[in-house]
Amino acid sequence: MIPGAVSRLLALVGGARGPFTMVIAAEPDAVLLASSAALRRLGARITRYDVEEGTLEARQDGAMLRLTAVADGSGGSQLAIESDAPDGRRLVKRFRAELSRPAPQESA
């Protein structure tokens, strides 16, 4: 769907207290859809998906993840990722790697 856009990941910034932020060359709704698929491949359960608000919430191994996608004005989106996981940086690293991979193709 948007593997080419996701592969153009521009930045990843994170801190222990603030959300991780990724800039992705795709519209917010496409970013949320791709994020949802990536999180499911990692074993997360999607608990909330709101395209109008640009938010997605998921749970993985008891940890909550909240993603917020906002258009950045240049045809791309900023994706903020918040988590209450003790090792949030590792979780975001795994998510980023999964998001950058092309989606599996369905066999006919």
PDB file of N, CA and C in Angstrom:
ATOM      1  N   MET A   1       0.822  -1.183   0.000  1.00  0.00           N
ATOM      2  CA  MET A   1       0.000   0.000   0.000  1.00  0.00           C
ATOM      3  C   MET A   1       0.867   1.248   0.000  1.00  0.00           C
ATOM      4  N   ILE A   2       1.578   1.503   1.070  1.00  0.00           N
ATOM      5  CA  ILE A   2       2.437   2.684   1.099  1.00  0.00           C
ATOM      6  C   ILE A   2       3.864   2.319   1.488  1.00  0.00           C
ATOM      7  N   PRO A   3       4.348   1.111   1.125  1.00  0.00           N
ATOM      8  CA  PRO A   3       5.703   0.750   1.544  1.00  0.00           C
ATOM      9  C   PRO A   3       6.759   1.711   1.036  1.00  0.00           C
ATOM     10  N   GLY A   4       6.569   2.248  -0.170  1.00  0.00           N
ATOM     11  CA  GLY A   4       7.543   3.208  -0.688  1.00  0.00           C
ATOM     12  C   GLY A   4       7.562   4.479   0.139  1.00  0.00           C
ATOM     13  N   ALA A   5       6.381   4.920   0.556  1.00  0.00           N
ATOM     14  CA  ALA A   5       6.307   6.135   1.369  1.00  0.00           C
ATOM     15  C   ALA A   5       6.887   5.898   2.754  1.00  0.00           C
ATOM     16  N   VAL A   6       6.566   4.750   3.334  1.00  0.00           N
ATOM     17  CA  VAL A   6       7.080   4.454   4.669  1.00  0.00           C
ATOM     18  C   VAL A   6       8.589   4.279   4.635  1.00  0.00           C
ATOM     19  N   SER A   7       9.110   3.743   3.545  1.00  0.00           N
ATOM     20  CA  SER A   7      10.557   3.567   3.462  1.00  0.00           C
ATOM     21  C   SER A   7      11.281   4.904   3.408  1.00  0.00           C
ATOM     22  N   ARG A   8      10.530   5.980   3.141  1.00  0.00           N
ATOM     23  CA  ARG A   8      11.121   7.319   3.134  1.00  0.00           C
ATOM     24  C   ARG A   8      11.012   7.954   4.511  1.00  0.00           C
ATOM     25  N   LEU A   9      11.087   7.136   5.514  1.00  0.00           N
ATOM     26  CA  LEU A   9      11.046   7.612   6.885  1.00  0.00           C
ATOM     27  C   LEU A   9      12.107   8.679   7.075  1.00  0.00           C
ATOM     28  N   LEU A  10      11.700   9.837   7.533  1.00  0.00           N
ATOM     29  CA  LEU A  10      12.623  10.955   7.603  1.00  0.00           C
ATOM     30  C   LEU A  10      13.299  11.108   8.958  1.00  0.00           C
ATOM     31  N   ALA A  11      12.606  10.809  10.052  1.00  0.00           N
ATOM     32  CA  ALA A  11      13.233  11.062  11.347  1.00  0.00           C
ATOM     33  C   ALA A  11      12.574  10.232  12.433  1.00  0.00           C
ATOM     34  N   LEU A  12      13.347   9.962  13.471  1.00  0.00           N
ATOM     35  CA  LEU A  12      12.827   9.328  14.677  1.00  0.00           C
ATOM     36  C   LEU A  12      13.467  10.040  15.854  1.00  0.00           C
ATOM     37  N   VAL A  13      12.631  10.626  16.681  1.00  0.00           N
ATOM     38  CA  VAL A  13      13.128  11.348  17.843  1.00  0.00           C
ATOM     39  C   VAL A  13      12.373  10.822  19.044  1.00  0.00           C
ATOM     40  N   GLY A  14      13.060  10.527  20.120  1.00  0.00           N
ATOM     41  CA  GLY A  14      12.360  10.031  21.291  1.00  0.00           C
ATOM     42  C   GLY A  14      13.053  10.418  22.564  1.00  0.00           C
ATOM     43  N   GLY A  15      12.298  10.407  23.619  1.00  0.00           N
ATOM     44  CA  GLY A  15      12.832  10.680  24.932  1.00  0.00           C
ATOM     45  C   GLY A  15      12.098   9.849  25.950  1.00  0.00           C
ATOM     46  N   ALA A  16      12.666   9.728  27.112  1.00  0.00           N
ATOM     47  CA  ALA A  16      12.070   8.898  28.145  1.00  0.00           C
ATOM     48  C   ALA A  16      10.705   9.443  28.581  1.00  0.00           C
ATOM     49  N   ARG A  17      10.508  10.743  28.512  1.00  0.00           N
ATOM     50  CA  ARG A  17       9.275  11.331  29.019  1.00  0.00           C
ATOM     51  C   ARG A  17       8.303  11.767  27.931  1.00  0.00           C
ATOM     52  N   GLY A  18       8.762  11.956  26.735  1.00  0.00           N
ATOM     53  CA  GLY A  18       7.888  12.447  25.676  1.00  0.00           C
ATOM     54  C   GLY A  18       7.596  11.375  24.650  1.00  0.00           C
ATOM     55  N   PRO A  19       6.656  11.673  23.759  1.00  0.00           N
ATOM     56  CA  PRO A  19       6.349  10.696  22.710  1.00  0.00           C
ATOM     57  C   PRO A  19       7.470  10.618  21.677  1.00  0.00           C
ATOM     58  N   PHE A  20       7.547   9.484  21.036  1.00  0.00           N
ATOM     59  CA  PHE A  20       8.441   9.309  19.895  1.00  0.00           C
ATOM     60  C   PHE A  20       7.714   9.913  18.705  1.00  0.00           C
ATOM     61  N   THR A  21       8.432  10.558  17.814  1.00  0.00           N
ATOM     62  CA  THR A  21       7.807  11.178  16.652  1.00  0.00           C
ATOM     63  C   THR A  21       8.490  10.701  15.383  1.00  0.00           C
ATOM     64  N   MET A  22       7.679  10.288  14.420  1.00  0.00           N
ATOM     65  CA  MET A  22       8.176   9.871  13.116  1.00  0.00           C
ATOM     66  C   MET A  22       7.512  10.750  12.069  1.00  0.00           C
ATOM     67  N   VAL A  23       8.259  11.136  11.055  1.00  0.00           N
ATOM     68  CA  VAL A  23       7.690  11.858   9.923  1.00  0.00           C
ATOM     69  C   VAL A  23       7.639  10.870   8.766  1.00  0.00           C
ATOM     70  N   ILE A  24       6.439  10.679   8.204  1.00  0.00           N
ATOM     71  CA  ILE A  24       6.227   9.673   7.166  1.00  0.00           C
ATOM     72  C   ILE A  24       5.602  10.345   5.947  1.00  0.00           C
ATOM     73  N   ALA A  25       6.083   9.995   4.778  1.00  0.00           N
ATOM     74  CA  ALA A  25       5.604  10.594   3.525  1.00  0.00           C
ATOM     75  C   ALA A  25       4.322   9.914   3.063  1.00  0.00           C
ATOM     76  N   ALA A  26       3.231  10.131   3.808  1.00  0.00           N
ATOM     77  CA  ALA A  26       1.915   9.592   3.457  1.00  0.00           C
ATOM     78  C   ALA A  26       0.866  10.372   4.239  1.00  0.00           C
ATOM     79  N   GLU A  27      -0.367  10.323   3.773  1.00  0.00           N
ATOM     80  CA  GLU A  27      -1.472  10.995   4.450  1.00  0.00           C
ATOM     81  C   GLU A  27      -1.771  10.297   5.783  1.00  0.00           C
ATOM     82  N   PRO A  28      -2.323  11.019   6.768  1.00  0.00           N
ATOM     83  CA  PRO A  28      -2.577  10.443   8.088  1.00  0.00           C
ATOM     84  C   PRO A  28      -3.415   9.167   8.081  1.00  0.00           C
ATOM     85  N   ASP A  29      -4.477   9.098   7.243  1.00  0.00           N
ATOM     86  CA  ASP A  29      -5.303   7.890   7.233  1.00  0.00           C
ATOM     87  C   ASP A  29      -4.521   6.679   6.740  1.00  0.00           C
ATOM     88  N   ALA A  30      -3.660   6.863   5.756  1.00  0.00           N
ATOM     89  CA  ALA A  30      -2.825   5.764   5.258  1.00  0.00           C
ATOM     90  C   ALA A  30      -1.784   5.365   6.297  1.00  0.00           C
ATOM     91  N   VAL A  31      -1.262   6.340   7.022  1.00  0.00           N
ATOM     92  CA  VAL A  31      -0.286   6.057   8.082  1.00  0.00           C
ATOM     93  C   VAL A  31      -0.934   5.222   9.179  1.00  0.00           C
ATOM     94  N   LEU A  32      -2.155   5.583   9.587  1.00  0.00           N
ATOM     95  CA  LEU A  32      -2.848   4.810  10.623  1.00  0.00           C
ATOM     96  C   LEU A  32      -3.153   3.395  10.155  1.00  0.00           C
ATOM     97  N   LEU A  33      -3.580   3.245   8.910  1.00  0.00           N
ATOM     98  CA  LEU A  33      -3.885   1.919   8.377  1.00  0.00           C
ATOM     99  C   LEU A  33      -2.633   1.042   8.350  1.00  0.00           C
ATOM    100  N   ALA A  34      -1.534   1.587   7.854  1.00  0.00           N
ATOM    101  CA  ALA A  34      -0.277   0.835   7.819  1.00  0.00           C
ATOM    102  C   ALA A  34       0.222   0.544   9.233  1.00  0.00           C
ATOM    103  N   SER A  35       0.036   1.487  10.149  1.00  0.00           N
ATOM    104  CA  SER A  35       0.452   1.295  11.541  1.00  0.00           C
ATOM    105  C   SER A  35      -0.348   0.182  12.195  1.00  0.00           C
ATOM    106  N   SER A  36      -1.641   0.156  11.917  1.00  0.00           N
ATOM    107  CA  SER A  36      -2.503  -0.889  12.458  1.00  0.00           C
ATOM    108  C   SER A  36      -2.040  -2.269  12.000  1.00  0.00           C
ATOM    109  N   ALA A  37      -1.754  -2.402  10.714  1.00  0.00           N
ATOM    110  CA  ALA A  37      -1.282  -3.686  10.179  1.00  0.00           C
ATOM    111  C   ALA A  37       0.063  -4.071  10.790  1.00  0.00           C
ATOM    112  N   ALA A  38       0.964  -3.106  10.925  1.00  0.00           N
ATOM    113  CA  ALA A  38       2.284  -3.386  11.505  1.00  0.00           C
ATOM    114  C   ALA A  38       2.150  -3.834  12.955  1.00  0.00           C
ATOM    115  N   LEU A  39       1.304  -3.168  13.718  1.00  0.00           N
ATOM    116  CA  LEU A  39       1.113  -3.548  15.117  1.00  0.00           C
ATOM    117  C   LEU A  39       0.503  -4.938  15.237  1.00  0.00           C
ATOM    118  N   ARG A  40      -0.451  -5.269  14.369  1.00  0.00           N
ATOM    119  CA  ARG A  40      -1.042  -6.620  14.401  1.00  0.00           C
ATOM    120  C   ARG A  40       0.003  -7.674  14.082  1.00  0.00           C
ATOM    121  N   ARG A  41       0.903  -7.384  13.131  1.00  0.00           N
ATOM    122  CA  ARG A  41       1.971  -8.345  12.819  1.00  0.00           C
ATOM    123  C   ARG A  41       2.903  -8.538  14.007  1.00  0.00           C
ATOM    124  N   LEU A  42       2.995  -7.540  14.874  1.00  0.00           N
ATOM    125  CA  LEU A  42       3.818  -7.648  16.080  1.00  0.00           C
ATOM    126  C   LEU A  42       3.063  -8.307  17.234  1.00  0.00           C
ATOM    127  N   GLY A  43       1.800  -8.650  17.002  1.00  0.00           N
ATOM    128  CA  GLY A  43       1.014  -9.328  18.026  1.00  0.00           C
ATOM    129  C   GLY A  43       0.172  -8.409  18.890  1.00  0.00           C
ATOM    130  N   ALA A  44       0.079  -7.137  18.541  1.00  0.00           N
ATOM    131  CA  ALA A  44      -0.720  -6.192  19.321  1.00  0.00           C
ATOM    132  C   ALA A  44      -2.198  -6.341  18.972  1.00  0.00           C
ATOM    133  N   ARG A  45      -3.035  -5.981  19.922  1.00  0.00           N
ATOM    134  CA  ARG A  45      -4.484  -5.977  19.716  1.00  0.00           C
ATOM    135  C   ARG A  45      -4.929  -4.521  19.604  1.00  0.00           C
ATOM    136  N   ILE A  46      -5.575  -4.174  18.497  1.00  0.00           N
ATOM    137  CA  ILE A  46      -6.053  -2.810  18.282  1.00  0.00           C
ATOM    138  C   ILE A  46      -7.306  -2.621  19.132  1.00  0.00           C
ATOM    139  N   THR A  47      -7.295  -1.622  20.017  1.00  0.00           N
ATOM    140  CA  THR A  47      -8.435  -1.384  20.903  1.00  0.00           C
ATOM    141  C   THR A  47      -9.239  -0.151  20.506  1.00  0.00           C
ATOM    142  N   ARG A  48      -8.647   0.741  19.733  1.00  0.00           N
ATOM    143  CA  ARG A  48      -9.353   1.949  19.279  1.00  0.00           C
ATOM    144  C   ARG A  48      -8.717   2.421  17.984  1.00  0.00           C
ATOM    145  N   TYR A  49      -9.570   2.765  17.011  1.00  0.00           N
ATOM    146  CA  TYR A  49      -9.093   3.229  15.705  1.00  0.00           C
ATOM    147  C   TYR A  49     -10.050   4.320  15.259  1.00  0.00           C
ATOM    148  N   ASP A  50      -9.593   5.565  15.250  1.00  0.00           N
ATOM    149  CA  ASP A  50     -10.454   6.696  14.915  1.00  0.00           C
ATOM    150  C   ASP A  50      -9.775   7.543  13.842  1.00  0.00           C
ATOM    151  N   VAL A  51     -10.191   7.345  12.595  1.00  0.00           N
ATOM    152  CA  VAL A  51      -9.577   8.056  11.472  1.00  0.00           C
ATOM    153  C   VAL A  51      -9.842   9.552  11.568  1.00  0.00           C
ATOM    154  N   GLU A  52     -11.051   9.938  11.983  1.00  0.00           N
ATOM    155  CA  GLU A  52     -11.381  11.365  12.070  1.00  0.00           C
ATOM    156  C   GLU A  52     -10.510  12.089  13.091  1.00  0.00           C
ATOM    157  N   GLU A  53     -10.220  11.442  14.205  1.00  0.00           N
ATOM    158  CA  GLU A  53      -9.357  12.032  15.229  1.00  0.00           C
ATOM    159  C   GLU A  53      -7.879  11.802  14.918  1.00  0.00           C
ATOM    160  N   GLY A  54      -7.604  10.857  14.027  1.00  0.00           N
ATOM    161  CA  GLY A  54      -6.221  10.533  13.686  1.00  0.00           C
ATOM    162  C   GLY A  54      -5.507   9.770  14.777  1.00  0.00           C
ATOM    163  N   THR A  55      -6.257   8.933  15.510  1.00  0.00           N
ATOM    164  CA  THR A  55      -5.658   8.192  16.621  1.00  0.00           C
ATOM    165  C   THR A  55      -5.903   6.698  16.510  1.00  0.00           C
ATOM    166  N   LEU A  56      -5.002   5.964  17.107  1.00  0.00           N
ATOM    167  CA  LEU A  56      -5.087   4.514  17.166  1.00  0.00           C
ATOM    168  C   LEU A  56      -4.530   4.115  18.525  1.00  0.00           C
ATOM    169  N   GLU A  57      -5.191   3.189  19.198  1.00  0.00           N
ATOM    170  CA  GLU A  57      -4.684   2.659  20.458  1.00  0.00           C
ATOM    171  C   GLU A  57      -4.598   1.153  20.335  1.00  0.00           C
ATOM    172  N   ALA A  58      -3.581   0.595  20.951  1.00  0.00           N
ATOM    173  CA  ALA A  58      -3.371  -0.848  20.894  1.00  0.00           C
ATOM    174  C   ALA A  58      -2.760  -1.317  22.207  1.00  0.00           C
ATOM    175  N   ARG A  59      -2.856  -2.617  22.448  1.00  0.00           N
ATOM    176  CA  ARG A  59      -2.234  -3.234  23.619  1.00  0.00           C
ATOM    177  C   ARG A  59      -1.354  -4.380  23.147  1.00  0.00           C
ATOM    178  N   GLN A  60      -0.183  -4.449  23.763  1.00  0.00           N
ATOM    179  CA  GLN A  60       0.720  -5.559  23.494  1.00  0.00           C
ATOM    180  C   GLN A  60       1.412  -5.930  24.792  1.00  0.00           C
ATOM    181  N   ASP A  61       1.282  -7.191  25.172  1.00  0.00           N
ATOM    182  CA  ASP A  61       1.889  -7.695  26.406  1.00  0.00           C
ATOM    183  C   ASP A  61       1.558  -6.802  27.597  1.00  0.00           C
ATOM    184  N   GLY A  62       0.316  -6.331  27.675  1.00  0.00           N
ATOM    185  CA  GLY A  62      -0.121  -5.500  28.783  1.00  0.00           C
ATOM    186  C   GLY A  62       0.224  -4.029  28.662  1.00  0.00           C
ATOM    187  N   ALA A  63       1.027  -3.667  27.694  1.00  0.00           N
ATOM    188  CA  ALA A  63       1.417  -2.264  27.510  1.00  0.00           C
ATOM    189  C   ALA A  63       0.457  -1.582  26.546  1.00  0.00           C
ATOM    190  N   MET A  64       0.158  -0.314  26.817  1.00  0.00           N
ATOM    191  CA  MET A  64      -0.702   0.476  25.954  1.00  0.00           C
ATOM    192  C   MET A  64       0.158   1.308  25.014  1.00  0.00           C
ATOM    193  N   LEU A  65      -0.266   1.363  23.751  1.00  0.00           N
ATOM    194  CA  LEU A  65       0.366   2.239  22.763  1.00  0.00           C
ATOM    195  C   LEU A  65      -0.707   3.161  22.221  1.00  0.00           C
ATOM    196  N   ARG A  66      -0.372   4.427  22.080  1.00  0.00           N
ATOM    197  CA  ARG A  66      -1.295   5.398  21.488  1.00  0.00           C
ATOM    198  C   ARG A  66      -0.559   6.098  20.365  1.00  0.00           C
ATOM    199  N   LEU A  67      -1.119   6.035  19.162  1.00  0.00           N
ATOM    200  CA  LEU A  67      -0.531   6.667  17.988  1.00  0.00           C
ATOM    201  C   LEU A  67      -1.445   7.797  17.536  1.00  0.00           C
ATOM    202  N   THR A  68      -0.848   8.923  17.190  1.00  0.00           N
ATOM    203  CA  THR A  68      -1.589  10.066  16.678  1.00  0.00           C
ATOM    204  C   THR A  68      -0.925  10.528  15.392  1.00  0.00           C
ATOM    205  N   ALA A  69      -1.686  10.543  14.295  1.00  0.00           N
ATOM    206  CA  ALA A  69      -1.164  10.966  12.991  1.00  0.00           C
ATOM    207  C   ALA A  69      -1.784  12.306  12.617  1.00  0.00           C
ATOM    208  N   VAL A  70      -0.921  13.259  12.244  1.00  0.00           N
ATOM    209  CA  VAL A  70      -1.356  14.605  11.878  1.00  0.00           C
ATOM    210  C   VAL A  70      -0.657  14.997  10.584  1.00  0.00           C
ATOM    211  N   ALA A  71      -1.420  15.557   9.642  1.00  0.00           N
ATOM    212  CA  ALA A  71      -0.823  16.032   8.386  1.00  0.00           C
ATOM    213  C   ALA A  71       0.204  17.110   8.698  1.00  0.00           C
ATOM    214  N   ASP A  72       1.336  17.072   7.978  1.00  0.00           N
ATOM    215  CA  ASP A  72       2.398  18.055   8.239  1.00  0.00           C
ATOM    216  C   ASP A  72       2.417  19.194   7.223  1.00  0.00           C
ATOM    217  N   GLY A  73       1.452  19.218   6.304  1.00  0.00           N
ATOM    218  CA  GLY A  73       1.353  20.315   5.350  1.00  0.00           C
ATOM    219  C   GLY A  73       2.130  20.117   4.066  1.00  0.00           C
ATOM    220  N   SER A  74       2.957  19.095   3.993  1.00  0.00           N
ATOM    221  CA  SER A  74       3.746  18.853   2.780  1.00  0.00           C
ATOM    222  C   SER A  74       3.369  17.533   2.113  1.00  0.00           C
ATOM    223  N   GLY A  75       2.191  17.023   2.432  1.00  0.00           N
ATOM    224  CA  GLY A  75       1.756  15.748   1.871  1.00  0.00           C
ATOM    225  C   GLY A  75       2.146  14.573   2.736  1.00  0.00           C
ATOM    226  N   GLY A  76       2.854  14.823   3.812  1.00  0.00           N
ATOM    227  CA  GLY A  76       3.274  13.778   4.737  1.00  0.00           C
ATOM    228  C   GLY A  76       2.525  13.894   6.049  1.00  0.00           C
ATOM    229  N   SER A  77       2.962  13.111   7.020  1.00  0.00           N
ATOM    230  CA  SER A  77       2.317  13.095   8.331  1.00  0.00           C
ATOM    231  C   SER A  77       3.356  12.978   9.422  1.00  0.00           C
ATOM    232  N   GLN A  78       3.018  13.539  10.568  1.00  0.00           N
ATOM    233  CA  GLN A  78       3.799  13.305  11.774  1.00  0.00           C
ATOM    234  C   GLN A  78       3.048  12.258  12.571  1.00  0.00           C
ATOM    235  N   LEU A  79       3.748  11.221  12.987  1.00  0.00           N
ATOM    236  CA  LEU A  79       3.160  10.151  13.773  1.00  0.00           C
ATOM    237  C   LEU A  79       3.797  10.186  15.148  1.00  0.00           C
ATOM    238  N   ALA A  80       2.999  10.507  16.164  1.00  0.00           N
ATOM    239  CA  ALA A  80       3.477  10.517  17.546  1.00  0.00           C
ATOM    240  C   ALA A  80       3.084   9.197  18.191  1.00  0.00           C
ATOM    241  N   ILE A  81       4.034   8.579  18.890  1.00  0.00           N
ATOM    242  CA  ILE A  81       3.804   7.284  19.523  1.00  0.00           C
ATOM    243  C   ILE A  81       4.080   7.425  21.011  1.00  0.00           C
ATOM    244  N   GLU A  82       3.060   7.123  21.814  1.00  0.00           N
ATOM    245  CA  GLU A  82       3.211   7.134  23.263  1.00  0.00           C
ATOM    246  C   GLU A  82       2.960   5.724  23.772  1.00  0.00           C
ATOM    247  N   SER A  83       3.685   5.323  24.809  1.00  0.00           N
ATOM    248  CA  SER A  83       3.518   3.992  25.364  1.00  0.00           C
ATOM    249  C   SER A  83       3.808   4.019  26.854  1.00  0.00           C
ATOM    250  N   ASP A  84       3.093   3.168  27.588  1.00  0.00           N
ATOM    251  CA  ASP A  84       3.387   3.029  29.004  1.00  0.00           C
ATOM    252  C   ASP A  84       4.272   1.809  29.261  1.00  0.00           C
ATOM    253  N   ALA A  85       4.817   1.231  28.190  1.00  0.00           N
ATOM    254  CA  ALA A  85       5.716   0.081  28.323  1.00  0.00           C
ATOM    255  C   ALA A  85       6.996   0.512  29.036  1.00  0.00           C
ATOM    256  N   PRO A  86       7.508  -0.331  29.936  1.00  0.00           N
ATOM    257  CA  PRO A  86       8.752   0.013  30.621  1.00  0.00           C
ATOM    258  C   PRO A  86       9.913   0.215  29.647  1.00  0.00           C
ATOM    259  N   ASP A  87       9.920  -0.548  28.567  1.00  0.00           N
ATOM    260  CA  ASP A  87      10.977  -0.436  27.562  1.00  0.00           C
ATOM    261  C   ASP A  87      10.366   0.102  26.270  1.00  0.00           C
ATOM    262  N   GLY A  88       9.813   1.315  26.343  1.00  0.00           N
ATOM    263  CA  GLY A  88       9.117   1.908  25.208  1.00  0.00           C
ATOM    264  C   GLY A  88       9.996   2.104  23.991  1.00  0.00           C
ATOM    265  N   ARG A  89      11.265   2.436  24.196  1.00  0.00           N
ATOM    266  CA  ARG A  89      12.180   2.659  23.077  1.00  0.00           C
ATOM    267  C   ARG A  89      12.337   1.379  22.248  1.00  0.00           C
ATOM    268  N   ARG A  90      12.452   0.245  22.904  1.00  0.00           N
ATOM    269  CA  ARG A  90      12.592  -1.035  22.191  1.00  0.00           C
ATOM    270  C   ARG A  90      11.319  -1.347  21.401  1.00  0.00           C
ATOM    271  N   LEU A  91      10.175  -1.102  22.009  1.00  0.00           N
ATOM    272  CA  LEU A  91       8.902  -1.351  21.341  1.00  0.00           C
ATOM    273  C   LEU A  91       8.756  -0.468  20.102  1.00  0.00           C
ATOM    274  N   VAL A  92       9.126   0.793  20.215  1.00  0.00           N
ATOM    275  CA  VAL A  92       9.051   1.706  19.073  1.00  0.00           C
ATOM    276  C   VAL A  92      10.026   1.281  17.985  1.00  0.00           C
ATOM    277  N   LYS A  93      11.192   0.810  18.369  1.00  0.00           N
ATOM    278  CA  LYS A  93      12.180   0.341  17.383  1.00  0.00           C
ATOM    279  C   LYS A  93      11.622  -0.840  16.590  1.00  0.00           C
ATOM    280  N   ARG A  94      10.981  -1.789  17.282  1.00  0.00           N
ATOM    281  CA  ARG A  94      10.371  -2.937  16.601  1.00  0.00           C
ATOM    282  C   ARG A  94       9.229  -2.483  15.692  1.00  0.00           C
ATOM    283  N   PHE A  95       8.411  -1.548  16.189  1.00  0.00           N
ATOM    284  CA  PHE A  95       7.299  -1.026  15.392  1.00  0.00           C
ATOM    285  C   PHE A  95       7.823  -0.333  14.142  1.00  0.00           C
ATOM    286  N   ARG A  96       8.828   0.497  14.298  1.00  0.00           N
ATOM    287  CA  ARG A  96       9.396   1.221  13.154  1.00  0.00           C
ATOM    288  C   ARG A  96       9.929   0.253  12.102  1.00  0.00           C
ATOM    289  N   ALA A  97      10.613  -0.798  12.541  1.00  0.00           N
ATOM    290  CA  ALA A  97      11.135  -1.792  11.597  1.00  0.00           C
ATOM    291  C   ALA A  97       9.991  -2.496  10.870  1.00  0.00           C
ATOM    292  N   GLU A  98       8.946  -2.840  11.603  1.00  0.00           N
ATOM    293  CA  GLU A  98       7.800  -3.526  10.990  1.00  0.00           C
ATOM    294  C   GLU A  98       7.046  -2.592  10.048  1.00  0.00           C
ATOM    295  N   LEU A  99       6.923  -1.337  10.404  1.00  0.00           N
ATOM    296  CA  LEU A  99       6.228  -0.367   9.560  1.00  0.00           C
ATOM    297  C   LEU A  99       6.982  -0.128   8.260  1.00  0.00           C
ATOM    298  N   SER A 100       8.289  -0.222   8.294  1.00  0.00           N
ATOM    299  CA  SER A 100       9.117   0.008   7.103  1.00  0.00           C
ATOM    300  C   SER A 100       9.102  -1.168   6.135  1.00  0.00           C
ATOM    301  N   ARG A 101       8.708  -2.345   6.636  1.00  0.00           N
ATOM    302  CA  ARG A 101       8.649  -3.527   5.762  1.00  0.00           C
ATOM    303  C   ARG A 101       7.438  -3.456   4.849  1.00  0.00           C
ATOM    304  N   PRO A 102       7.567  -3.969   3.620  1.00  0.00           N
ATOM    305  CA  PRO A 102       6.389  -4.051   2.743  1.00  0.00           C
ATOM    306  C   PRO A 102       5.364  -5.007   3.352  1.00  0.00           C
ATOM    307  N   ALA A 103       4.095  -4.698   3.179  1.00  0.00           N
ATOM    308  CA  ALA A 103       3.032  -5.567   3.678  1.00  0.00           C
ATOM    309  C   ALA A 103       3.067  -6.887   2.929  1.00  0.00           C
ATOM    310  N   PRO A 104       2.776  -8.006   3.623  1.00  0.00           N
ATOM    311  CA  PRO A 104       2.744  -9.299   2.934  1.00  0.00           C
ATOM    312  C   PRO A 104       1.668  -9.307   1.854  1.00  0.00           C
ATOM    313  N   GLN A 105       1.973  -9.922   0.743  1.00  0.00           N
ATOM    314  CA  GLN A 105       1.019 -10.020  -0.363  1.00  0.00           C
ATOM    315  C   GLN A 105       0.107 -11.213  -0.138  1.00  0.00           C
ATOM    316  N   GLU A 106      -1.182 -11.023  -0.412  1.00  0.00           N
ATOM    317  CA  GLU A 106      -2.136 -12.123  -0.309  1.00  0.00           C
ATOM    318  C   GLU A 106      -2.007 -13.004  -1.538  1.00  0.00           C
ATOM    319  N   SER A 107      -2.085 -14.319  -1.318  1.00  0.00           N
ATOM    320  CA  SER A 107      -2.017 -15.234  -2.459  1.00  0.00           C
ATOM    321  C   SER A 107      -3.407 -15.385  -3.069  1.00  0.00           C
ATOM    322  N   ALA A 108      -3.440 -15.532  -4.380  1.00  0.00           N
ATOM    323  CA  ALA A 108      -4.717 -15.617  -5.102  1.00  0.00           C
ATOM    324  C   ALA A 108      -5.279 -17.001  -5.096  1.00  0.00           C
TER     325      ALA A 108
END
